[in-house]
């Protein structure tokens, strides 16, 4: 159980890992494979909240000039 908590914490943060392990225990699952599968189902990976587009216009213009 601690090994799973450590792995999940490393990948997605301690709070999410604890939530996943608690859900798994409530469902009667305690083996590593079940914990990892349940975590993947309950806590899908989240991408960045904001996309950095500050240099996109400049990069696009440079690419357009290079293609000409």
N, C-alpha and C. Protein backbone atom coordinates (compact mmCIF):
# COMPACT_ATOMS: atom_id res chain seq x y z
N UNK A 1 0.83 -1.19 0.00
CA UNK A 1 0.00 0.00 0.00
C UNK A 1 0.88 1.26 0.00
N UNK A 2 1.92 1.28 0.80
CA UNK A 2 2.81 2.45 0.84
C UNK A 2 3.55 2.64 -0.48
N UNK A 3 3.90 1.53 -1.11
CA UNK A 3 4.58 1.61 -2.40
C UNK A 3 3.67 2.27 -3.44
N UNK A 4 2.41 1.90 -3.41
CA UNK A 4 1.44 2.50 -4.34
C UNK A 4 1.25 3.98 -4.04
N UNK A 5 1.15 4.32 -2.77
CA UNK A 5 0.98 5.71 -2.38
C UNK A 5 2.18 6.55 -2.84
N UNK A 6 3.37 6.01 -2.68
CA UNK A 6 4.58 6.71 -3.11
C UNK A 6 4.58 6.92 -4.62
N UNK A 7 4.23 5.89 -5.38
CA UNK A 7 4.21 5.99 -6.84
C UNK A 7 3.16 7.00 -7.31
N UNK A 8 1.97 6.91 -6.75
CA UNK A 8 0.91 7.83 -7.15
C UNK A 8 1.23 9.26 -6.75
N UNK A 9 1.84 9.45 -5.59
CA UNK A 9 2.24 10.79 -5.14
C UNK A 9 3.26 11.40 -6.07
N UNK A 10 4.19 10.58 -6.50
CA UNK A 10 5.25 11.04 -7.40
C UNK A 10 4.65 11.50 -8.72
N UNK A 11 3.67 10.75 -9.21
CA UNK A 11 3.07 11.05 -10.51
C UNK A 11 2.07 12.19 -10.49
N UNK A 12 1.23 12.24 -9.44
CA UNK A 12 0.11 13.18 -9.47
C UNK A 12 -0.09 13.99 -8.21
N UNK A 13 0.84 13.94 -7.28
CA UNK A 13 0.71 14.72 -6.06
C UNK A 13 0.09 13.91 -4.93
N UNK A 14 0.45 14.29 -3.72
CA UNK A 14 0.08 13.54 -2.54
C UNK A 14 -1.43 13.52 -2.31
N UNK A 15 -2.09 14.66 -2.47
CA UNK A 15 -3.54 14.72 -2.22
C UNK A 15 -4.32 13.78 -3.12
N UNK A 16 -3.99 13.78 -4.40
CA UNK A 16 -4.68 12.88 -5.34
C UNK A 16 -4.39 11.43 -5.02
N UNK A 17 -3.14 11.17 -4.63
CA UNK A 17 -2.77 9.79 -4.28
C UNK A 17 -3.55 9.29 -3.08
N UNK A 18 -3.65 10.12 -2.06
CA UNK A 18 -4.40 9.73 -0.85
C UNK A 18 -5.87 9.49 -1.20
N UNK A 19 -6.45 10.35 -2.02
CA UNK A 19 -7.85 10.16 -2.43
C UNK A 19 -8.04 8.84 -3.17
N UNK A 20 -7.12 8.52 -4.05
CA UNK A 20 -7.22 7.27 -4.80
C UNK A 20 -7.08 6.05 -3.91
N UNK A 21 -6.12 6.09 -2.99
CA UNK A 21 -5.92 4.96 -2.08
C UNK A 21 -7.14 4.80 -1.17
N UNK A 22 -7.69 5.90 -0.69
CA UNK A 22 -8.88 5.84 0.15
C UNK A 22 -10.05 5.23 -0.63
N UNK A 23 -10.23 5.63 -1.89
CA UNK A 23 -11.30 5.05 -2.72
C UNK A 23 -11.08 3.56 -2.91
N UNK A 24 -9.85 3.18 -3.15
CA UNK A 24 -9.54 1.76 -3.36
C UNK A 24 -9.85 0.95 -2.10
N UNK A 25 -9.50 1.47 -0.96
CA UNK A 25 -9.76 0.76 0.31
C UNK A 25 -11.27 0.64 0.53
N UNK A 26 -12.01 1.69 0.26
CA UNK A 26 -13.48 1.64 0.39
C UNK A 26 -14.09 0.58 -0.53
N UNK A 27 -13.44 0.36 -1.67
CA UNK A 27 -13.95 -0.62 -2.63
C UNK A 27 -13.38 -2.02 -2.40
N UNK A 28 -12.55 -2.16 -1.36
CA UNK A 28 -11.99 -3.46 -1.03
C UNK A 28 -10.82 -3.88 -1.90
N UNK A 29 -10.16 -2.93 -2.50
CA UNK A 29 -9.00 -3.21 -3.37
C UNK A 29 -7.74 -2.71 -2.69
N UNK A 30 -6.76 -3.58 -2.58
CA UNK A 30 -5.51 -3.14 -1.93
C UNK A 30 -4.26 -3.60 -2.66
N UNK A 31 -4.42 -4.35 -3.76
CA UNK A 31 -3.22 -4.76 -4.50
C UNK A 31 -2.76 -3.63 -5.41
N UNK A 32 -1.47 -3.62 -5.72
CA UNK A 32 -0.86 -2.53 -6.46
C UNK A 32 -1.53 -2.31 -7.82
N UNK A 33 -1.78 -3.36 -8.56
CA UNK A 33 -2.39 -3.20 -9.89
C UNK A 33 -3.77 -2.56 -9.81
N UNK A 34 -4.56 -2.99 -8.84
CA UNK A 34 -5.90 -2.41 -8.68
C UNK A 34 -5.82 -0.94 -8.29
N UNK A 35 -4.89 -0.63 -7.39
CA UNK A 35 -4.73 0.78 -6.97
C UNK A 35 -4.34 1.67 -8.14
N UNK A 36 -3.39 1.21 -8.94
CA UNK A 36 -2.95 2.01 -10.09
C UNK A 36 -4.06 2.16 -11.12
N UNK A 37 -4.79 1.07 -11.38
CA UNK A 37 -5.88 1.13 -12.35
C UNK A 37 -7.00 2.05 -11.87
N UNK A 38 -7.36 1.92 -10.61
CA UNK A 38 -8.42 2.75 -10.05
C UNK A 38 -8.01 4.23 -10.05
N UNK A 39 -6.75 4.50 -9.73
CA UNK A 39 -6.26 5.87 -9.76
C UNK A 39 -6.36 6.45 -11.16
N UNK A 40 -5.95 5.68 -12.16
CA UNK A 40 -6.03 6.14 -13.54
C UNK A 40 -7.46 6.43 -13.97
N UNK A 41 -8.39 5.65 -13.45
CA UNK A 41 -9.80 5.84 -13.78
C UNK A 41 -10.40 7.04 -13.05
N UNK A 42 -10.08 7.17 -11.75
CA UNK A 42 -10.69 8.22 -10.93
C UNK A 42 -9.98 9.56 -11.05
N UNK A 43 -8.69 9.55 -11.31
CA UNK A 43 -7.89 10.78 -11.34
C UNK A 43 -7.19 10.92 -12.68
N UNK A 44 -7.92 11.18 -13.76
CA UNK A 44 -7.25 11.32 -15.05
C UNK A 44 -6.23 12.45 -15.01
N UNK A 45 -5.18 12.29 -15.77
CA UNK A 45 -4.14 13.31 -15.82
C UNK A 45 -4.72 14.61 -16.35
N UNK A 46 -4.28 15.69 -15.78
CA UNK A 46 -4.73 17.00 -16.22
C UNK A 46 -3.58 17.71 -16.90
N UNK A 47 -3.87 18.32 -18.02
CA UNK A 47 -2.87 19.09 -18.73
C UNK A 47 -2.73 20.46 -18.10
N UNK A 48 -1.91 21.27 -18.68
CA UNK A 48 -1.73 22.62 -18.15
C UNK A 48 -3.04 23.40 -18.20
N UNK A 49 -3.26 24.22 -17.18
CA UNK A 49 -4.48 25.01 -17.12
C UNK A 49 -4.49 26.13 -18.16
N UNK A 50 -3.32 26.64 -18.47
CA UNK A 50 -3.20 27.71 -19.46
C UNK A 50 -2.10 27.35 -20.44
N UNK A 51 -2.31 27.72 -21.66
CA UNK A 51 -1.31 27.46 -22.69
C UNK A 51 -0.55 28.76 -22.95
N UNK A 52 0.77 28.69 -22.96
CA UNK A 52 1.59 29.86 -23.22
C UNK A 52 1.64 30.11 -24.72
N UNK A 53 1.00 31.17 -25.15
CA UNK A 53 0.95 31.49 -26.57
C UNK A 53 1.68 32.80 -26.87
N UNK A 54 2.48 33.27 -25.94
CA UNK A 54 3.11 34.58 -26.08
C UNK A 54 4.01 34.68 -27.30
N UNK A 55 4.67 33.63 -27.70
CA UNK A 55 5.59 33.71 -28.83
C UNK A 55 5.05 33.11 -30.11
N UNK A 56 3.79 32.72 -30.13
CA UNK A 56 3.26 32.03 -31.30
C UNK A 56 3.24 32.91 -32.55
N UNK A 57 2.83 34.15 -32.42
CA UNK A 57 2.76 35.03 -33.59
C UNK A 57 4.14 35.26 -34.18
N UNK A 58 5.11 35.49 -33.34
CA UNK A 58 6.48 35.72 -33.80
C UNK A 58 7.01 34.47 -34.50
N UNK A 59 6.80 33.32 -33.88
CA UNK A 59 7.27 32.07 -34.48
C UNK A 59 6.59 31.80 -35.81
N UNK A 60 5.30 32.09 -35.90
CA UNK A 60 4.58 31.86 -37.14
C UNK A 60 5.12 32.76 -38.26
N UNK A 61 5.38 34.02 -37.93
CA UNK A 61 5.92 34.94 -38.93
C UNK A 61 7.29 34.50 -39.41
N UNK A 62 8.13 34.03 -38.47
CA UNK A 62 9.47 33.55 -38.84
C UNK A 62 9.37 32.32 -39.76
N UNK A 63 8.45 31.42 -39.46
CA UNK A 63 8.27 30.24 -40.31
C UNK A 63 7.75 30.61 -41.68
N UNK A 64 6.87 31.58 -41.71
CA UNK A 64 6.30 32.02 -43.00
C UNK A 64 7.38 32.65 -43.88
N UNK A 65 8.24 33.47 -43.26
CA UNK A 65 9.32 34.09 -44.02
C UNK A 65 10.29 33.03 -44.53
N UNK A 66 10.59 32.05 -43.69
CA UNK A 66 11.53 31.01 -44.09
C UNK A 66 10.98 30.15 -45.23
N UNK A 67 9.67 29.99 -45.28
CA UNK A 67 9.05 29.19 -46.33
C UNK A 67 8.95 29.94 -47.65
N UNK A 68 9.06 31.24 -47.61
CA UNK A 68 8.93 32.05 -48.84
C UNK A 68 10.15 31.96 -49.72
